[in-house]
C-alpha atoms as a PDB file:
ATOM      1  CA  UNK A   1       0.011  -0.041  -0.005  1.00  0.00           C
ATOM      2  CA  UNK A   2       2.849   2.410   0.913  1.00  0.00           C
ATOM      3  CA  UNK A   3       6.559   2.750   1.022  1.00  0.00           C
ATOM      4  CA  UNK A   4       6.373   4.350   4.445  1.00  0.00           C
ATOM      5  CA  UNK A   5       8.172   2.810   7.544  1.00  0.00           C
ATOM      6  CA  UNK A   6       4.746   3.097   9.410  1.00  0.00           C
ATOM      7  CA  UNK A   7       2.630   0.118   9.762  1.00  0.00           C
ATOM      8  CA  UNK A   8      -0.390   0.252   7.352  1.00  0.00           C
ATOM      9  CA  UNK A   9      -3.515  -2.079   7.681  1.00  0.00           C
ATOM     10  CA  UNK A  10      -7.273  -2.496   7.177  1.00  0.00           C
ATOM     11  CA  UNK A  11      -7.187  -1.983   3.271  1.00  0.00           C
ATOM     12  CA  UNK A  12     -10.550  -1.590   1.705  1.00  0.00           C
ATOM     13  CA  UNK A  13     -11.056  -1.419  -2.143  1.00  0.00           C
ATOM     14  CA  UNK A  14     -13.915  -0.590  -4.244  1.00  0.00           C
ATOM     15  CA  UNK A  15     -13.693  -0.446  -8.143  1.00  0.00           C
ATOM     16  CA  UNK A  16     -15.894   1.139 -11.003  1.00  0.00           C
ATOM     17  CA  UNK A  17     -14.729   0.386 -14.487  1.00  0.00           C
ATOM     18  CA  UNK A  18     -11.039   0.462 -14.483  1.00  0.00           C
ATOM     19  CA  UNK A  19     -10.950   2.977 -11.754  1.00  0.00           C
ATOM     20  CA  UNK A  20     -10.004   1.316  -8.560  1.00  0.00           C
ATOM     21  CA  UNK A  21      -9.975   3.323  -5.042  1.00  0.00           C
ATOM     22  CA  UNK A  22      -8.405   2.256  -1.757  1.00  0.00           C
ATOM     23  CA  UNK A  23      -8.665   3.388   1.631  1.00  0.00           C
ATOM     24  CA  UNK A  24      -6.369   2.006   4.369  1.00  0.00           C
ATOM     25  CA  UNK A  25      -4.893   3.077   7.877  1.00  0.00           C
ATOM     26  CA  UNK A  26      -1.611   4.029   9.105  1.00  0.00           C
ATOM     27  CA  UNK A  27      -0.341   3.992  12.593  1.00  0.00           C
ATOM     28  CA  UNK A  28       1.687   7.110  12.914  1.00  0.00           C
ATOM     29  CA  UNK A  29       2.579   7.655  16.701  1.00  0.00           C
ATOM     30  CA  UNK A  30       0.763   8.466  18.786  1.00  0.00           C
ATOM     31  CA  UNK A  31      -2.461   8.025  16.221  1.00  0.00           C
ATOM     32  CA  UNK A  32      -3.698   6.356  13.361  1.00  0.00           C
ATOM     33  CA  UNK A  33      -4.730   8.159  10.212  1.00  0.00           C
ATOM     34  CA  UNK A  34      -6.675   7.218   7.088  1.00  0.00           C
ATOM     35  CA  UNK A  35      -5.075   7.543   3.293  1.00  0.00           C
ATOM     36  CA  UNK A  36      -6.687   7.264   0.059  1.00  0.00           C
ATOM     37  CA  UNK A  37      -5.355   5.977  -3.174  1.00  0.00           C
ATOM     38  CA  UNK A  38      -6.599   5.583  -6.828  1.00  0.00           C
ATOM     39  CA  UNK A  39      -5.548   3.634  -9.882  1.00  0.00           C
ATOM     40  CA  UNK A  40      -7.059   4.445 -13.174  1.00  0.00           C
ATOM     41  CA  UNK A  41      -5.648   1.336 -14.928  1.00  0.00           C
ATOM     42  CA  UNK A  42      -7.041  -1.491 -12.889  1.00  0.00           C
ATOM     43  CA  UNK A  43      -4.607  -1.333 -10.161  1.00  0.00           C
ATOM     44  CA  UNK A  44      -1.348  -1.616 -12.510  1.00  0.00           C
ATOM     45  CA  UNK A  45      -0.132   1.786 -11.276  1.00  0.00           C
ATOM     46  CA  UNK A  46      -1.431   4.207  -8.322  1.00  0.00           C
ATOM     47  CA  UNK A  47      -1.423   8.085  -7.509  1.00  0.00           C
ATOM     48  CA  UNK A  48       0.347   9.295  -4.484  1.00  0.00           C
ATOM     49  CA  UNK A  49      -1.703   8.843  -1.125  1.00  0.00           C
ATOM     50  CA  UNK A  50      -3.760  11.636   0.061  1.00  0.00           C
ATOM     51  CA  UNK A  51      -4.174  11.989   3.804  1.00  0.00           C
ATOM     52  CA  UNK A  52      -7.944  12.207   4.567  1.00  0.00           C
ATOM     53  CA  UNK A  53      -7.624  12.828   8.431  1.00  0.00           C
ATOM     54  CA  UNK A  54      -5.567  14.747  10.860  1.00  0.00           C
ATOM     55  CA  UNK A  55      -2.997  13.346  13.158  1.00  0.00           C
ATOM     56  CA  UNK A  56      -4.713  14.885  16.319  1.00  0.00           C
ATOM     57  CA  UNK A  57      -7.188  12.218  16.615  1.00  0.00           C
ATOM     58  CA  UNK A  58      -7.021   8.373  16.098  1.00  0.00           C
ATOM     59  CA  UNK A  59      -9.113   6.960  13.156  1.00  0.00           C
ATOM     60  CA  UNK A  60      -9.854   3.358  12.355  1.00  0.00           C
ATOM     61  CA  UNK A  61     -11.781   0.911  10.293  1.00  0.00           C
ATOM     62  CA  UNK A  62     -12.075   2.815   7.066  1.00  0.00           C
ATOM     63  CA  UNK A  63     -14.196   1.686   4.405  1.00  0.00           C
ATOM     64  CA  UNK A  64     -15.027   2.764   0.862  1.00  0.00           C
ATOM     65  CA  UNK A  65     -17.884   2.502  -1.738  1.00  0.00           C
ATOM     66  CA  UNK A  66     -17.850   3.871  -5.399  1.00  0.00           C
ATOM     67  CA  UNK A  67     -20.774   4.463  -7.681  1.00  0.00           C
ATOM     68  CA  UNK A  68     -19.563   6.178 -10.929  1.00  0.00           C
ATOM     69  CA  UNK A  69     -17.922   9.438  -9.942  1.00  0.00           C
ATOM     70  CA  UNK A  70     -19.115   9.388  -6.566  1.00  0.00           C
ATOM     71  CA  UNK A  71     -16.478   8.185  -3.733  1.00  0.00           C
ATOM     72  CA  UNK A  72     -17.882   7.570  -0.249  1.00  0.00           C
ATOM     73  CA  UNK A  73     -15.316   7.141   2.637  1.00  0.00           C
ATOM     74  CA  UNK A  74     -16.295   6.435   5.985  1.00  0.00           C
ATOM     75  CA  UNK A  75     -14.259   5.690   9.236  1.00  0.00           C
ATOM     76  CA  UNK A  76     -14.296   5.816  13.063  1.00  0.00           C
ATOM     77  CA  UNK A  77     -12.710   8.807  14.796  1.00  0.00           C
ATOM     78  CA  UNK A  78     -11.657   8.625  18.238  1.00  0.00           C
ATOM     79  CA  UNK A  79     -11.606  11.803  20.423  1.00  0.00           C
ATOM     80  CA  UNK A  80     -10.391  11.638  23.889  1.00  0.00           C
ATOM     81  CA  UNK A  81     -11.799  14.611  26.017  1.00  0.00           C
ATOM     82  CA  UNK A  82      -9.978  15.414  29.209  1.00  0.00           C
ATOM     83  CA  UNK A  83     -11.529  17.650  31.744  1.00  0.00           C
ATOM     84  CA  UNK A  84      -9.509  19.378  34.305  1.00  0.00           C
ATOM     85  CA  UNK A  85     -11.138  20.400  37.544  1.00  0.00           C
ATOM     86  CA  UNK A  86      -9.490  22.850  39.616  1.00  0.00           C
ATOM     87  CA  UNK A  87     -10.210  23.471  43.252  1.00  0.00           C
ATOM     88  CA  UNK A  88     -10.076  26.632  45.116  1.00  0.00           C
ATOM     89  CA  UNK A  89     -10.864  28.986  42.164  1.00  0.00           C
ATOM     90  CA  UNK A  90     -14.289  30.186  42.663  1.00  0.00           C
ATOM     91  CA  UNK A  91     -14.733  31.052  39.019  1.00  0.00           C
ATOM     92  CA  UNK A  92     -14.123  27.612  37.911  1.00  0.00           C
ATOM     93  CA  UNK A  93     -16.754  26.099  40.405  1.00  0.00           C
ATOM     94  CA  UNK A  94     -19.231  28.579  39.129  1.00  0.00           C
ATOM     95  CA  UNK A  95     -18.744  27.729  35.680  1.00  0.00           C
ATOM     96  CA  UNK A  96     -19.274  24.148  36.485  1.00  0.00           C
ATOM     97  CA  UNK A  97     -22.155  24.976  38.464  1.00  0.00           C
ATOM     98  CA  UNK A  98     -20.891  23.463  41.884  1.00  0.00           C
ATOM     99  CA  UNK A  99     -22.037  24.900  45.010  1.00  0.00           C
ATOM    100  CA  UNK A 100     -19.146  25.575  47.314  1.00  0.00           C
ATOM    101  CA  UNK A 101     -19.990  24.615  50.871  1.00  0.00           C
ATOM    102  CA  UNK A 102     -18.428  26.695  53.498  1.00  0.00           C
END
């Protein structure tokens, strides 16, 4: 799929005529990203990979479907939300709606 030093996995293909479309995931520390490639000659040669996602959130399980000129790509995107709670700062407690007991 790639000449990169990073591990690629989960390839998914979809074809329409001689056009073959490929999506796959690649582990780029610390996250996993999704790439897309296309061949217009039945898979003999491929264009350069196009990065579909950013490296700020891990993405997983790509899939692809093609109908004529329409290309549909889906994948899971993992977002980790970290909430920091500060004590002793009245403004933060008011924002959270916490009643401070005295």
